[in-house]
Amino acid sequence: MDMRTHTRYTGRMPIPFVAANAWERDVCRLCRQHGIEIRWREHAAAGRAYPTERRITIGRVKGPASYAIALHEIGHLLGPRQTSHRLEKEVGAWEWAKAHALVWTDRMDARLHKSLLSYLRWALRRRGNVIKPTDDHVIWTLLDRQTAQEQLTRSSEP
């Protein structure tokens, strides 16, 4: 059965179902296919990419959130905009992750939004040689501007 179309009913709404080991198998397959080394870390909630070494460091892939993180790290090696500024690199890695996932769930989307908001906060706090997102910035293709601005405003209130 094709995992892209297999769904199960949870009582509220249908969600894509992929066994936890299938998420990890897909990450391993992509890395093997593209010559990327994986270094596994126990209990890691985040990952890191080392493009010049063609290596990623990630925690075990157990579900949609950790699958999204792993794909995002692979996206830093294979995705668009990886020679640009940091904010564009993050967007490019997430674009690649969404395009190459077996399925893309609401939980994965929440992880993407949380990550991009943290980088948006980072960019807005920085001074000097940091690209601030303009109205036509590529980040707005993945992040809803109004929602992001509301969340940024809430998080900066005392």
Protein backbone atom coordinates (compact mmCIF):
# COMPACT_ATOMS: atom_id res chain seq x y z
CA MET A 1 0.00 0.00 0.00
CA ASP A 2 1.24 3.49 -0.84
CA MET A 3 2.09 5.36 2.40
CA ARG A 4 1.22 8.66 0.74
CA THR A 5 -2.44 7.73 0.53
CA HIS A 6 -2.90 5.39 3.51
CA THR A 7 -4.84 7.11 6.27
CA ARG A 8 -6.49 6.10 9.50
CA TYR A 9 -9.38 7.70 11.35
CA THR A 10 -8.61 9.09 14.81
CA GLY A 11 -12.16 9.99 15.78
CA ARG A 12 -11.72 13.66 14.87
CA MET A 13 -10.18 13.81 11.44
CA PRO A 14 -8.27 11.55 9.09
CA ILE A 15 -4.49 11.90 9.39
CA PRO A 16 -1.77 10.30 7.29
CA PHE A 17 -0.41 7.19 8.95
CA VAL A 18 3.21 6.14 8.61
CA ALA A 19 4.76 3.68 11.05
CA ALA A 20 7.53 5.31 13.10
CA ASN A 21 10.17 3.07 11.56
CA ALA A 22 9.00 4.09 8.07
CA TRP A 23 9.85 7.74 8.86
CA GLU A 24 13.37 6.73 9.85
CA ARG A 25 13.74 4.35 6.89
CA ASP A 26 12.86 7.20 4.54
CA VAL A 27 15.51 9.47 6.11
CA CYS A 28 18.10 6.68 5.78
CA ARG A 29 17.07 6.07 2.16
CA LEU A 30 17.42 9.75 1.25
CA CYS A 31 20.81 10.02 2.93
CA ARG A 32 22.07 6.84 1.25
CA GLN A 33 20.74 8.03 -2.11
CA HIS A 34 22.54 11.38 -1.80
CA GLY A 35 25.73 10.25 -0.07
CA ILE A 36 24.99 11.92 3.26
CA GLU A 37 26.36 10.51 6.52
CA ILE A 38 24.02 10.37 9.52
CA ARG A 39 25.35 10.65 13.04
CA TRP A 40 22.65 9.64 15.50
CA ARG A 41 22.29 11.40 18.85
CA GLU A 42 20.25 10.01 21.70
CA HIS A 43 17.46 12.25 22.99
CA ALA A 44 18.21 15.02 20.48
CA ALA A 45 15.26 17.34 19.82
CA ALA A 46 17.17 19.30 17.19
CA GLY A 47 19.56 18.52 14.41
CA ARG A 48 22.52 20.02 12.67
CA ALA A 49 23.82 19.92 9.12
CA TYR A 50 27.45 20.00 8.05
CA PRO A 51 27.28 20.70 4.31
CA THR A 52 31.03 20.66 3.62
CA GLU A 53 31.26 17.22 5.26
CA ARG A 54 27.97 15.97 3.74
CA ARG A 55 26.82 14.96 7.19
CA ILE A 56 23.83 15.53 9.46
CA THR A 57 23.47 14.95 13.18
CA ILE A 58 19.94 14.10 14.32
CA GLY A 59 18.02 12.28 17.02
CA ARG A 60 16.18 9.06 16.30
CA VAL A 61 13.26 9.58 13.94
CA LYS A 62 10.21 8.44 15.86
CA GLY A 63 7.34 10.42 14.38
CA PRO A 64 6.28 13.39 12.28
CA ALA A 65 8.12 16.15 14.23
CA SER A 66 11.48 14.36 14.30
CA TYR A 67 10.95 13.31 10.66
CA ALA A 68 10.43 16.98 9.69
CA ILE A 69 13.59 17.99 11.57
CA ALA A 70 15.63 15.27 9.86
CA LEU A 71 14.33 16.26 6.40
CA HIS A 72 15.08 19.90 7.20
CA GLU A 73 18.70 19.03 8.02
CA ILE A 74 19.01 17.08 4.76
CA GLY A 75 17.51 20.16 3.07
CA HIS A 76 20.52 22.17 4.25
CA LEU A 77 22.66 19.92 2.05
CA LEU A 78 20.33 19.47 -0.92
CA GLY A 79 17.82 22.31 -0.82
CA PRO A 80 17.60 25.66 -2.56
CA ARG A 81 19.13 28.92 -1.26
CA GLN A 82 21.90 27.24 0.73
CA THR A 83 24.52 29.74 -0.45
CA SER A 84 22.43 32.70 0.69
CA HIS A 85 21.89 34.41 4.06
CA ARG A 86 20.80 32.45 7.13
CA LEU A 87 17.07 33.20 6.92
CA GLU A 88 16.99 32.16 3.26
CA LYS A 89 18.94 28.98 4.09
CA GLU A 90 16.34 28.05 6.69
CA VAL A 91 13.47 28.68 4.29
CA GLY A 92 15.20 26.68 1.55
CA ALA A 93 15.79 23.73 3.88
CA TRP A 94 12.12 23.71 4.92
CA GLU A 95 10.97 23.99 1.30
CA TRP A 96 13.08 20.95 0.47
CA ALA A 97 11.73 19.06 3.49
CA LYS A 98 8.10 19.68 2.51
CA ALA A 99 8.73 18.72 -1.10
CA HIS A 100 10.43 15.42 -0.22
CA ALA A 101 8.37 14.15 2.71
CA LEU A 102 6.32 10.97 2.36
CA VAL A 103 3.46 12.99 3.85
CA TRP A 104 3.26 16.44 5.44
CA THR A 105 1.13 16.60 8.58
CA ASP A 106 -0.22 19.42 10.73
CA ARG A 107 2.33 18.48 13.39
CA MET A 108 5.15 18.82 10.86
CA ASP A 109 3.75 22.17 9.77
CA ALA A 110 3.70 23.30 13.42
CA ARG A 111 7.39 22.35 13.74
CA LEU A 112 8.20 24.30 10.56
CA HIS A 113 6.37 27.38 11.87
CA LYS A 114 8.03 27.18 15.31
CA SER A 115 11.45 26.93 13.70
CA LEU A 116 10.91 29.76 11.21
CA LEU A 117 9.49 32.02 13.93
CA SER A 118 12.62 31.47 16.01
CA TYR A 119 14.82 32.46 13.06
CA LEU A 120 12.58 35.43 12.33
CA ARG A 121 12.98 36.59 15.95
CA TRP A 122 16.73 36.09 15.61
CA ALA A 123 16.89 38.18 12.42
CA LEU A 124 14.77 40.98 13.86
CA ARG A 125 16.93 41.25 17.02
CA ARG A 126 20.22 41.37 15.12
CA ARG A 127 22.02 44.45 13.94
CA GLY A 128 24.52 44.80 11.19
CA ASN A 129 24.92 42.32 8.36
CA VAL A 130 21.61 40.46 8.73
CA ILE A 131 18.94 40.49 6.08
CA LYS A 132 15.65 41.64 7.60
CA PRO A 133 12.58 40.12 5.91
CA THR A 134 10.83 42.58 3.60
CA ASP A 135 7.23 42.29 2.40
CA ASP A 136 8.35 40.17 -0.57
CA HIS A 137 10.79 37.99 1.41
CA VAL A 138 10.73 34.27 0.65
CA ILE A 139 9.89 33.43 4.29
CA TRP A 140 6.30 34.53 3.67
CA THR A 141 5.82 31.64 1.22
CA LEU A 142 5.93 29.24 4.20
CA LEU A 143 4.86 31.45 7.10
CA ASP A 144 1.61 33.39 7.32
CA ARG A 145 2.69 37.01 7.85
CA GLN A 146 -0.26 38.10 9.99
CA THR A 147 -0.05 35.08 12.31
CA ALA A 148 3.72 35.47 12.61
CA GLN A 149 3.42 39.17 13.46
CA GLU A 150 0.78 38.41 16.11
CA GLN A 151 2.99 35.72 17.67
CA LEU A 152 6.06 37.96 17.58
CA THR A 153 4.08 40.77 19.24
CA ARG A 154 2.76 38.43 21.96
CA SER A 155 6.22 37.04 22.70
CA SER A 156 7.74 40.52 23.05
CA GLU A 157 5.11 41.78 25.51
CA PRO A 158 6.24 41.96 29.17
